[in-house]
Amino acid sequence: MPSFSNEIAALPPELQVLMLQELHNIASRFMHQESAGHTLQATALVNEAYVKLADKTMHIVDEKHFVAIAAQQMRRILVDNARQKQAAKRGGRPLKMTFEEHAIASETDSPNHQVELLYINKLLNELASFDKRASQIFEIKLFSMLGNEDIAKIMNVSLATVERDIKAAKAWFKLQLNNNK
């Protein structure tokens, strides 16, 4: 099976550009929450994700599948970066995600509900311990900006399953957040 970089290189150049632009948009949303002098910028995040994936052996089904894989890798990079910041005790503020922008908030929730990325990572890992598929689906939803139909295709499950897993994961996340107030 060809490596990730070979799969990408085999795509038409215009599709490669569109995919990288999509990843940059995702990375920009995450990095927008950080201060202007943050050491990890959106372009660097996309580049680092690509480099980490380049030697891996995998088959990319389509551009949505690529975005999902790369978004998961960006999550790992952001979490590692947040851990390093915390360990260094440099006084930097933790990377936070706004749930309104990342599919957890309902219409009645505050648009400014922010939670540290490390806590989101912890919750995703806890969810995976008892519902791996829901955790994977919710991770893709949070980190890729893909629609439910695209997620269903990537995960090879029905749209109803994706919607049900997202609804359950949202409810579980909200419960955890409310319990930690």
N, C-alpha and C. Protein backbone atom coordinates (compact mmCIF):
# COMPACT_ATOMS: atom_id res chain seq x y z
N MET A 1 0.85 -1.18 0.00
CA MET A 1 0.00 0.00 0.00
C MET A 1 0.89 1.24 0.00
N PRO A 2 0.57 2.25 -0.79
CA PRO A 2 1.40 3.45 -0.85
C PRO A 2 1.32 4.26 0.44
N SER A 3 2.35 5.09 0.66
CA SER A 3 2.36 5.94 1.84
C SER A 3 1.42 7.12 1.64
N PHE A 4 1.13 7.79 2.74
CA PHE A 4 0.25 8.97 2.74
C PHE A 4 0.74 10.00 1.73
N SER A 5 2.04 10.31 1.74
CA SER A 5 2.56 11.34 0.83
C SER A 5 2.42 10.91 -0.63
N ASN A 6 2.57 9.61 -0.91
CA ASN A 6 2.37 9.14 -2.28
C ASN A 6 0.92 9.26 -2.70
N GLU A 7 0.00 8.97 -1.76
CA GLU A 7 -1.44 9.09 -2.05
C GLU A 7 -1.76 10.55 -2.41
N ILE A 8 -1.23 11.48 -1.63
CA ILE A 8 -1.49 12.90 -1.88
C ILE A 8 -0.86 13.33 -3.21
N ALA A 9 0.37 12.90 -3.45
CA ALA A 9 1.06 13.27 -4.69
C ALA A 9 0.33 12.76 -5.92
N ALA A 10 -0.41 11.67 -5.78
CA ALA A 10 -1.13 11.10 -6.92
C ALA A 10 -2.39 11.90 -7.27
N LEU A 11 -2.83 12.77 -6.38
CA LEU A 11 -4.03 13.57 -6.63
C LEU A 11 -3.72 14.71 -7.58
N PRO A 12 -4.72 15.19 -8.32
CA PRO A 12 -4.51 16.36 -9.18
C PRO A 12 -4.07 17.56 -8.34
N PRO A 13 -3.17 18.39 -8.86
CA PRO A 13 -2.66 19.53 -8.09
C PRO A 13 -3.75 20.45 -7.55
N GLU A 14 -4.82 20.67 -8.33
CA GLU A 14 -5.88 21.57 -7.85
C GLU A 14 -6.59 20.98 -6.63
N LEU A 15 -6.72 19.65 -6.57
CA LEU A 15 -7.34 19.01 -5.42
C LEU A 15 -6.40 19.07 -4.21
N GLN A 16 -5.10 18.93 -4.44
CA GLN A 16 -4.13 19.05 -3.35
C GLN A 16 -4.22 20.44 -2.71
N VAL A 17 -4.31 21.46 -3.56
CA VAL A 17 -4.40 22.84 -3.06
C VAL A 17 -5.68 23.03 -2.25
N LEU A 18 -6.81 22.53 -2.76
CA LEU A 18 -8.08 22.65 -2.04
C LEU A 18 -8.04 21.95 -0.68
N MET A 19 -7.42 20.78 -0.64
CA MET A 19 -7.33 20.03 0.60
C MET A 19 -6.47 20.77 1.62
N LEU A 20 -5.35 21.31 1.16
CA LEU A 20 -4.48 22.05 2.07
C LEU A 20 -5.16 23.33 2.55
N GLN A 21 -5.93 23.98 1.69
CA GLN A 21 -6.67 25.18 2.10
C GLN A 21 -7.69 24.82 3.18
N GLU A 22 -8.37 23.70 3.01
CA GLU A 22 -9.35 23.24 3.99
C GLU A 22 -8.67 22.98 5.33
N LEU A 23 -7.52 22.33 5.30
CA LEU A 23 -6.78 22.08 6.54
C LEU A 23 -6.33 23.40 7.17
N HIS A 24 -5.91 24.33 6.36
CA HIS A 24 -5.48 25.63 6.89
C HIS A 24 -6.67 26.34 7.56
N ASN A 25 -7.85 26.24 6.97
CA ASN A 25 -9.05 26.84 7.57
C ASN A 25 -9.34 26.22 8.94
N ILE A 26 -9.23 24.90 9.02
CA ILE A 26 -9.45 24.21 10.30
C ILE A 26 -8.41 24.66 11.32
N ALA A 27 -7.15 24.66 10.91
CA ALA A 27 -6.07 25.05 11.81
C ALA A 27 -6.24 26.51 12.26
N SER A 28 -6.65 27.37 11.35
CA SER A 28 -6.85 28.78 11.70
C SER A 28 -7.92 28.95 12.77
N ARG A 29 -8.98 28.16 12.69
CA ARG A 29 -10.03 28.24 13.71
C ARG A 29 -9.49 27.88 15.08
N PHE A 30 -8.68 26.84 15.14
CA PHE A 30 -8.11 26.45 16.43
C PHE A 30 -7.15 27.50 16.94
N MET A 31 -6.30 28.01 16.07
CA MET A 31 -5.27 28.94 16.49
C MET A 31 -5.82 30.34 16.77
N HIS A 32 -6.99 30.64 16.27
CA HIS A 32 -7.62 31.95 16.52
C HIS A 32 -7.84 32.17 18.01
N GLN A 33 -8.02 31.09 18.76
CA GLN A 33 -8.28 31.20 20.20
C GLN A 33 -7.02 31.57 20.98
N GLU A 34 -5.86 31.41 20.39
CA GLU A 34 -4.61 31.68 21.07
C GLU A 34 -4.20 33.13 20.91
N SER A 35 -3.26 33.55 21.75
CA SER A 35 -2.76 34.92 21.67
C SER A 35 -1.96 35.11 20.38
N ALA A 36 -1.80 36.37 19.99
CA ALA A 36 -1.14 36.68 18.72
C ALA A 36 0.29 36.17 18.66
N GLY A 37 0.98 36.10 19.79
CA GLY A 37 2.36 35.66 19.81
C GLY A 37 2.53 34.17 20.03
N HIS A 38 1.47 33.41 19.86
CA HIS A 38 1.55 31.97 20.10
C HIS A 38 2.61 31.34 19.22
N THR A 39 3.34 30.37 19.76
CA THR A 39 4.47 29.79 19.04
C THR A 39 4.04 28.86 17.91
N LEU A 40 2.83 28.36 17.92
CA LEU A 40 2.38 27.45 16.88
C LEU A 40 1.31 28.16 16.06
N GLN A 41 1.62 28.44 14.80
CA GLN A 41 0.70 29.14 13.92
C GLN A 41 -0.03 28.13 13.03
N ALA A 42 -1.11 28.58 12.39
CA ALA A 42 -1.94 27.68 11.60
C ALA A 42 -1.15 26.98 10.50
N THR A 43 -0.33 27.71 9.77
CA THR A 43 0.44 27.10 8.69
C THR A 43 1.41 26.06 9.24
N ALA A 44 2.04 26.37 10.36
CA ALA A 44 2.96 25.41 10.98
C ALA A 44 2.22 24.18 11.45
N LEU A 45 1.01 24.35 11.96
CA LEU A 45 0.20 23.22 12.40
C LEU A 45 -0.14 22.31 11.22
N VAL A 46 -0.56 22.88 10.10
CA VAL A 46 -0.86 22.10 8.91
C VAL A 46 0.39 21.38 8.41
N ASN A 47 1.51 22.10 8.36
CA ASN A 47 2.76 21.50 7.88
C ASN A 47 3.21 20.35 8.79
N GLU A 48 3.13 20.56 10.09
CA GLU A 48 3.54 19.52 11.03
C GLU A 48 2.64 18.29 10.90
N ALA A 49 1.34 18.51 10.73
CA ALA A 49 0.41 17.39 10.55
C ALA A 49 0.78 16.61 9.29
N TYR A 50 1.08 17.32 8.22
CA TYR A 50 1.43 16.66 6.97
C TYR A 50 2.71 15.84 7.13
N VAL A 51 3.72 16.44 7.76
CA VAL A 51 5.00 15.74 7.93
C VAL A 51 4.82 14.48 8.77
N LYS A 52 4.02 14.56 9.83
CA LYS A 52 3.80 13.39 10.69
C LYS A 52 3.05 12.29 9.94
N LEU A 53 2.21 12.66 9.01
CA LEU A 53 1.44 11.67 8.27
C LEU A 53 2.16 11.15 7.03
N ALA A 54 3.16 11.88 6.55
CA ALA A 54 3.77 11.58 5.26
C ALA A 54 4.34 10.17 5.13
N ASP A 55 4.90 9.64 6.19
CA ASP A 55 5.52 8.31 6.11
C ASP A 55 4.58 7.18 6.47
N LYS A 56 3.38 7.50 6.91
CA LYS A 56 2.44 6.46 7.30
C LYS A 56 1.84 5.79 6.07
N THR A 57 1.57 4.51 6.22
CA THR A 57 0.95 3.75 5.15
C THR A 57 -0.55 3.74 5.38
N MET A 58 -1.29 4.28 4.42
CA MET A 58 -2.74 4.32 4.53
C MET A 58 -3.34 4.57 3.15
N HIS A 59 -4.59 4.25 3.03
CA HIS A 59 -5.30 4.50 1.78
C HIS A 59 -6.29 5.63 2.03
N ILE A 60 -6.21 6.67 1.22
CA ILE A 60 -7.12 7.80 1.35
C ILE A 60 -8.25 7.60 0.36
N VAL A 61 -9.46 7.55 0.87
CA VAL A 61 -10.64 7.29 0.05
C VAL A 61 -10.98 8.50 -0.81
N ASP A 62 -11.03 9.68 -0.19
CA ASP A 62 -11.35 10.92 -0.91
C ASP A 62 -10.87 12.09 -0.07
N GLU A 63 -11.15 13.30 -0.55
CA GLU A 63 -10.65 14.49 0.16
C GLU A 63 -11.23 14.64 1.55
N LYS A 64 -12.47 14.20 1.77
CA LYS A 64 -13.07 14.28 3.11
C LYS A 64 -12.36 13.33 4.07
N HIS A 65 -12.00 12.17 3.58
CA HIS A 65 -11.26 11.21 4.39
C HIS A 65 -9.90 11.79 4.76
N PHE A 66 -9.25 12.42 3.80
CA PHE A 66 -7.97 13.08 4.06
C PHE A 66 -8.11 14.15 5.14
N VAL A 67 -9.14 14.98 5.03
CA VAL A 67 -9.36 16.05 6.01
C VAL A 67 -9.58 15.45 7.40
N ALA A 68 -10.36 14.37 7.49
CA ALA A 68 -10.61 13.74 8.78
C ALA A 68 -9.32 13.20 9.39
N ILE A 69 -8.51 12.53 8.59
CA ILE A 69 -7.25 11.98 9.09
C ILE A 69 -6.32 13.10 9.54
N ALA A 70 -6.19 14.13 8.72
CA ALA A 70 -5.31 15.24 9.05
C ALA A 70 -5.82 16.03 10.26
N ALA A 71 -7.13 16.19 10.39
CA ALA A 71 -7.69 16.88 11.55
C ALA A 71 -7.39 16.11 12.83
N GLN A 72 -7.47 14.79 12.78
CA GLN A 72 -7.12 13.98 13.95
C GLN A 72 -5.65 14.17 14.31
N GLN A 73 -4.81 14.24 13.29
CA GLN A 73 -3.39 14.46 13.55
C GLN A 73 -3.17 15.85 14.14
N MET A 74 -3.89 16.86 13.65
CA MET A 74 -3.76 18.21 14.20
C MET A 74 -4.17 18.23 15.67
N ARG A 75 -5.22 17.47 16.01
CA ARG A 75 -5.63 17.37 17.41
C ARG A 75 -4.47 16.85 18.25
N ARG A 76 -3.82 15.81 17.79
CA ARG A 76 -2.70 15.23 18.55
C ARG A 76 -1.57 16.26 18.72
N ILE A 77 -1.29 17.00 17.67
CA ILE A 77 -0.24 18.01 17.73
C ILE A 77 -0.61 19.11 18.72
N LEU A 78 -1.85 19.59 18.64
CA LEU A 78 -2.30 20.64 19.56
C LEU A 78 -2.27 20.16 21.01
N VAL A 79 -2.68 18.93 21.25
CA VAL A 79 -2.66 18.38 22.61
C VAL A 79 -1.22 18.26 23.09
N ASP A 80 -0.33 17.75 22.25
CA ASP A 80 1.09 17.65 22.63
C ASP A 80 1.67 19.02 22.94
N ASN A 81 1.32 20.00 22.10
CA ASN A 81 1.81 21.36 22.31
C ASN A 81 1.28 21.94 23.62
N ALA A 82 0.00 21.69 23.91
CA ALA A 82 -0.58 22.18 25.16
C ALA A 82 0.08 21.52 26.37
N ARG A 83 0.37 20.24 26.26
CA ARG A 83 1.06 19.54 27.36
C ARG A 83 2.45 20.10 27.58
N GLN A 84 3.17 20.39 26.49
CA GLN A 84 4.50 20.96 26.60
C GLN A 84 4.46 22.34 27.26
N LYS A 85 3.46 23.13 26.89
CA LYS A 85 3.31 24.45 27.50
C LYS A 85 3.06 24.32 28.99
N GLN A 86 2.21 23.38 29.36
CA GLN A 86 1.88 23.17 30.75
C GLN A 86 3.10 22.68 31.52
N ALA A 87 3.84 21.76 30.93
CA ALA A 87 5.01 21.19 31.59
C ALA A 87 6.12 22.23 31.75
N ALA A 88 6.26 23.11 30.79
CA ALA A 88 7.30 24.13 30.85
C ALA A 88 6.98 25.22 31.87
N LYS A 89 5.73 25.30 32.26
CA LYS A 89 5.29 26.30 33.25
C LYS A 89 5.74 27.70 32.86
N ARG A 90 5.54 28.00 31.58
CA ARG A 90 5.92 29.32 31.07
C ARG A 90 4.85 30.37 31.32
N GLY A 91 3.77 29.97 31.91
CA GLY A 91 2.72 30.94 32.18
C GLY A 91 1.82 31.23 31.00
N GLY A 92 1.99 30.52 29.91
CA GLY A 92 1.11 30.73 28.76
C GLY A 92 -0.27 30.19 29.07
N ARG A 93 -1.27 30.84 28.49
CA ARG A 93 -2.63 30.35 28.76
C ARG A 93 -2.90 29.13 27.89
N PRO A 94 -3.70 28.20 28.39
CA PRO A 94 -3.97 26.98 27.63
C PRO A 94 -4.82 27.25 26.41
N LEU A 95 -4.62 26.43 25.38
CA LEU A 95 -5.44 26.53 24.18
C LEU A 95 -6.86 26.13 24.52
N LYS A 96 -7.79 26.97 24.16
CA LYS A 96 -9.19 26.69 24.46
C LYS A 96 -9.97 26.59 23.17
N MET A 97 -11.01 25.79 23.20
CA MET A 97 -11.90 25.67 22.07
C MET A 97 -13.24 26.25 22.48
N THR A 98 -13.88 26.95 21.58
CA THR A 98 -15.21 27.46 21.83
C THR A 98 -16.19 26.43 21.32
N PHE A 99 -16.99 25.88 22.22
CA PHE A 99 -17.89 24.80 21.84
C PHE A 99 -18.93 25.25 20.83
N GLU A 100 -19.34 26.48 20.86
CA GLU A 100 -20.31 26.96 19.87
C GLU A 100 -19.77 26.72 18.47
N GLU A 101 -18.48 26.92 18.31
CA GLU A 101 -17.86 26.74 17.01
C GLU A 101 -17.55 25.28 16.71
N HIS A 102 -17.64 24.42 17.70
CA HIS A 102 -17.20 23.04 17.51
C HIS A 102 -18.29 22.02 17.83
N ALA A 103 -19.53 22.36 17.57
CA ALA A 103 -20.63 21.40 17.51
C ALA A 103 -21.13 20.85 18.83
N ILE A 104 -20.76 21.43 19.95
CA ILE A 104 -21.29 20.90 21.19
C ILE A 104 -22.46 21.73 21.68
N ALA A 105 -22.38 23.04 21.51
CA ALA A 105 -23.41 23.91 22.07
C ALA A 105 -24.73 23.78 21.33
N SER A 106 -25.79 23.92 22.07
CA SER A 106 -27.11 24.02 21.44
C SER A 106 -27.43 25.50 21.28
N GLU A 107 -28.56 25.78 20.70
CA GLU A 107 -28.93 27.18 20.47
C GLU A 107 -29.07 27.97 21.77
N THR A 108 -29.32 27.30 22.88
CA THR A 108 -29.52 28.00 24.14
C THR A 108 -28.24 28.19 24.93
N ASP A 109 -27.16 27.54 24.53
CA ASP A 109 -25.90 27.66 25.25
C ASP A 109 -25.22 28.97 24.92
N SER A 110 -24.35 29.39 25.81
CA SER A 110 -23.57 30.59 25.60
C SER A 110 -22.58 30.39 24.46
N PRO A 111 -22.44 31.35 23.55
CA PRO A 111 -21.48 31.20 22.46
C PRO A 111 -20.03 31.32 22.95
N ASN A 112 -19.83 31.72 24.20
CA ASN A 112 -18.49 31.92 24.73
C ASN A 112 -18.03 30.80 25.65
N HIS A 113 -18.72 29.68 25.64
CA HIS A 113 -18.35 28.55 26.49
C HIS A 113 -17.05 27.95 25.98
N GLN A 114 -15.96 28.20 26.72
CA GLN A 114 -14.66 27.70 26.29
C GLN A 114 -14.14 26.67 27.28
N VAL A 115 -13.47 25.66 26.75
CA VAL A 115 -12.90 24.60 27.56
C VAL A 115 -11.50 24.32 27.05
N GLU A 116 -10.58 24.05 27.97
CA GLU A 116 -9.22 23.76 27.57
C GLU A 116 -9.14 22.52 26.69
N LEU A 117 -8.26 22.61 25.73
CA LEU A 117 -8.06 21.50 24.79
C LEU A 117 -7.64 20.23 25.52
N LEU A 118 -6.81 20.33 26.54
CA LEU A 118 -6.39 19.14 27.27
C LEU A 118 -7.58 18.47 27.95
N TYR A 119 -8.54 19.24 28.41
CA TYR A 119 -9.73 18.67 29.03
C TYR A 119 -10.60 17.98 27.97
N ILE A 120 -10.71 18.60 26.81
CA ILE A 120 -11.46 17.98 25.71
C ILE A 120 -10.81 16.65 25.34
N ASN A 121 -9.50 16.65 25.27
CA ASN A 121 -8.77 15.42 24.96
C ASN A 121 -9.05 14.35 26.02
N LYS A 122 -9.03 14.74 27.28
CA LYS A 122 -9.31 13.81 28.38
C LYS A 122 -10.72 13.23 28.24
N LEU A 123 -11.68 14.09 27.94
CA LEU A 123 -13.06 13.62 27.80
C LEU A 123 -13.21 12.70 26.59
N LEU A 124 -12.56 13.02 25.49
CA LEU A 124 -12.63 12.13 24.32
C LEU A 124 -12.05 10.75 24.65
N ASN A 125 -10.95 10.73 25.40
CA ASN A 125 -10.35 9.45 25.79
C ASN A 125 -11.26 8.68 26.73
N GLU A 126 -11.91 9.37 27.66
CA GLU A 126 -12.85 8.71 28.57
C GLU A 126 -14.03 8.14 27.79
N LEU A 127 -14.56 8.92 26.87
CA LEU A 127 -15.67 8.45 26.04
C LEU A 127 -15.25 7.21 25.24
N ALA A 128 -14.04 7.22 24.72
CA ALA A 128 -13.55 6.08 23.94
C ALA A 128 -13.44 4.82 24.79
N SER A 129 -13.26 4.98 26.08
CA SER A 129 -13.12 3.80 26.94
C SER A 129 -14.41 2.99 27.02
N PHE A 130 -15.55 3.62 26.76
CA PHE A 130 -16.80 2.86 26.79
C PHE A 130 -17.60 2.96 25.50
N ASP A 131 -17.23 3.85 24.58
CA ASP A 131 -17.90 3.93 23.28
C ASP A 131 -16.92 4.49 22.25
N LYS A 132 -16.08 3.60 21.76
CA LYS A 132 -15.00 4.00 20.84
C LYS A 132 -15.53 4.66 19.57
N ARG A 133 -16.58 4.09 18.98
CA ARG A 133 -17.11 4.65 17.74
C ARG A 133 -17.64 6.06 17.97
N ALA A 134 -18.41 6.26 19.03
CA ALA A 134 -18.95 7.59 19.31
C ALA A 134 -17.82 8.59 19.52
N SER A 135 -16.77 8.17 20.20
CA SER A 135 -15.63 9.04 20.43
C SER A 135 -14.95 9.41 19.11
N GLN A 136 -14.77 8.43 18.23
CA GLN A 136 -14.15 8.70 16.93
C GLN A 136 -15.02 9.64 16.09
N ILE A 137 -16.30 9.38 16.07
CA ILE A 137 -17.22 10.22 15.30
C ILE A 137 -17.22 11.64 15.85
N PHE A 138 -17.27 11.76 17.17
CA PHE A 138 -17.31 13.08 17.79
C PHE A 138 -15.99 13.81 17.59
N GLU A 139 -14.88 13.09 17.64
CA GLU A 139 -13.58 13.70 17.38
C GLU A 139 -13.53 14.27 15.96
N ILE A 140 -14.00 13.50 15.00
CA ILE A 140 -14.02 13.99 13.62
C ILE A 140 -14.92 15.22 13.52
N LYS A 141 -16.06 15.18 14.18
CA LYS A 141 -16.99 16.32 14.15
C LYS A 141 -16.32 17.57 14.74
N LEU A 142 -15.66 17.40 15.87
CA LEU A 142 -15.04 18.53 16.55
C LEU A 142 -13.84 19.10 15.79
N PHE A 143 -13.05 18.23 15.20
CA PHE A 143 -11.77 18.67 14.67
C PHE A 143 -11.68 18.79 13.16
N SER A 144 -12.71 18.39 12.43
CA SER A 144 -12.57 18.43 10.98
C SER A 144 -13.52 19.39 10.27
N MET A 145 -14.59 19.79 10.93
CA MET A 145 -15.61 20.64 10.32
C MET A 145 -16.38 19.92 9.21
N LEU A 146 -16.30 18.60 9.16
CA LEU A 146 -17.04 17.84 8.15
C LEU A 146 -18.50 17.70 8.57
N GLY A 147 -19.36 17.55 7.60
CA GLY A 147 -20.77 17.32 7.87
C GLY A 147 -21.02 15.87 8.28
N ASN A 148 -22.19 15.63 8.83
CA ASN A 148 -22.54 14.30 9.30
C ASN A 148 -22.54 13.26 8.19
N GLU A 149 -22.99 13.63 6.99
CA GLU A 149 -23.00 12.68 5.87
C GLU A 149 -21.58 12.26 5.50
N ASP A 150 -20.66 13.22 5.51
CA ASP A 150 -19.26 12.90 5.21
C ASP A 150 -18.67 12.00 6.29
N ILE A 151 -19.00 12.27 7.53
CA ILE A 151 -18.51 11.44 8.63
C ILE A 151 -19.05 10.02 8.50
N ALA A 152 -20.31 9.90 8.15
CA ALA A 152 -20.91 8.56 7.97
C ALA A 152 -20.16 7.79 6.89
N LYS A 153 -19.82 8.46 5.81
CA LYS A 153 -19.10 7.80 4.72
C LYS A 153 -17.71 7.36 5.19
N ILE A 154 -17.01 8.24 5.88
CA ILE A 154 -15.66 7.94 6.36
C ILE A 154 -15.68 6.77 7.35
N MET A 155 -16.66 6.79 8.25
CA MET A 155 -16.74 5.76 9.30
C MET A 155 -17.45 4.49 8.82
N ASN A 156 -18.00 4.55 7.62
CA ASN A 156 -18.71 3.41 7.05
C ASN A 156 -19.89 2.97 7.93
N VAL A 157 -20.66 3.97 8.36
CA VAL A 157 -21.88 3.73 9.14
C VAL A 157 -22.99 4.58 8.54
N SER A 158 -24.20 4.36 9.00
CA SER A 158 -25.32 5.13 8.48
C SER A 158 -25.32 6.55 9.05
N LEU A 159 -26.00 7.43 8.34
CA LEU A 159 -26.16 8.80 8.81
C LEU A 159 -26.87 8.81 10.16
N ALA A 160 -27.87 7.96 10.33
CA ALA A 160 -28.60 7.88 11.61
C ALA A 160 -27.66 7.50 12.75
N THR A 161 -26.73 6.61 12.48
CA THR A 161 -25.76 6.20 13.51
C THR A 161 -24.87 7.38 13.90
N VAL A 162 -24.40 8.12 12.91
CA VAL A 162 -23.57 9.30 13.19
C VAL A 162 -24.34 10.30 14.02
N GLU A 163 -25.56 10.60 13.62
CA GLU A 163 -26.37 11.58 14.35
C GLU A 163 -26.65 11.11 15.77
N ARG A 164 -26.93 9.83 15.94
CA ARG A 164 -27.20 9.28 17.26
C ARG A 164 -25.93 9.33 18.14
N ASP A 165 -24.79 8.97 17.57
CA ASP A 165 -23.54 9.00 18.34
C ASP A 165 -23.15 10.43 18.71
N ILE A 166 -23.35 11.37 17.80
CA ILE A 166 -23.02 12.77 18.10
C ILE A 166 -23.94 13.28 19.21
N LYS A 167 -25.22 12.97 19.11
CA LYS A 167 -26.18 13.41 20.13
C LYS A 167 -25.80 12.83 21.50
N ALA A 168 -25.46 11.55 21.54
CA ALA A 168 -25.07 10.90 22.80
C ALA A 168 -23.77 11.50 23.33
N ALA A 169 -22.80 11.72 22.45
CA ALA A 169 -21.52 12.29 22.89
C ALA A 169 -21.71 13.71 23.40
N LYS A 170 -22.53 14.51 22.71
CA LYS A 170 -22.83 15.87 23.17
C LYS A 170 -23.43 15.85 24.58
N ALA A 171 -24.40 14.99 24.77
CA ALA A 171 -25.06 14.90 26.08
C ALA A 171 -24.05 14.49 27.14
N TRP A 172 -23.21 13.51 26.83
CA TRP A 172 -22.22 13.05 27.80
C TRP A 172 -21.21 14.15 28.11
N PHE A 173 -20.74 14.87 27.05
CA PHE A 173 -19.80 15.98 27.25
C PHE A 173 -20.41 17.06 28.14
N LYS A 174 -21.65 17.43 27.84
CA LYS A 174 -22.31 18.48 28.63
C LYS A 174 -22.46 18.06 30.09
N LEU A 175 -22.78 16.81 30.31
CA LEU A 175 -22.88 16.28 31.68
C LEU A 175 -21.54 16.40 32.39
N GLN A 176 -20.48 16.02 31.72
CA GLN A 176 -19.13 16.10 32.32
C GLN A 176 -18.78 17.55 32.61
N LEU A 177 -19.08 18.44 31.67
CA LEU A 177 -18.78 19.86 31.86
C LEU A 177 -19.55 20.44 33.03
N ASN A 178 -20.84 20.09 33.12
CA ASN A 178 -21.67 20.58 34.22
C ASN A 178 -21.21 20.03 35.57
N ASN A 179 -20.72 18.81 35.58
CA ASN A 179 -20.24 18.20 36.83
C ASN A 179 -18.93 18.83 37.29
N ASN A 180 -18.19 19.48 36.41
CA ASN A 180 -16.92 20.08 36.75
C ASN A 180 -16.99 21.59 36.95
N LYS A 181 -18.17 22.14 37.01
CA LYS A 181 -18.28 23.59 37.22
C LYS A 181 -17.93 23.94 38.64
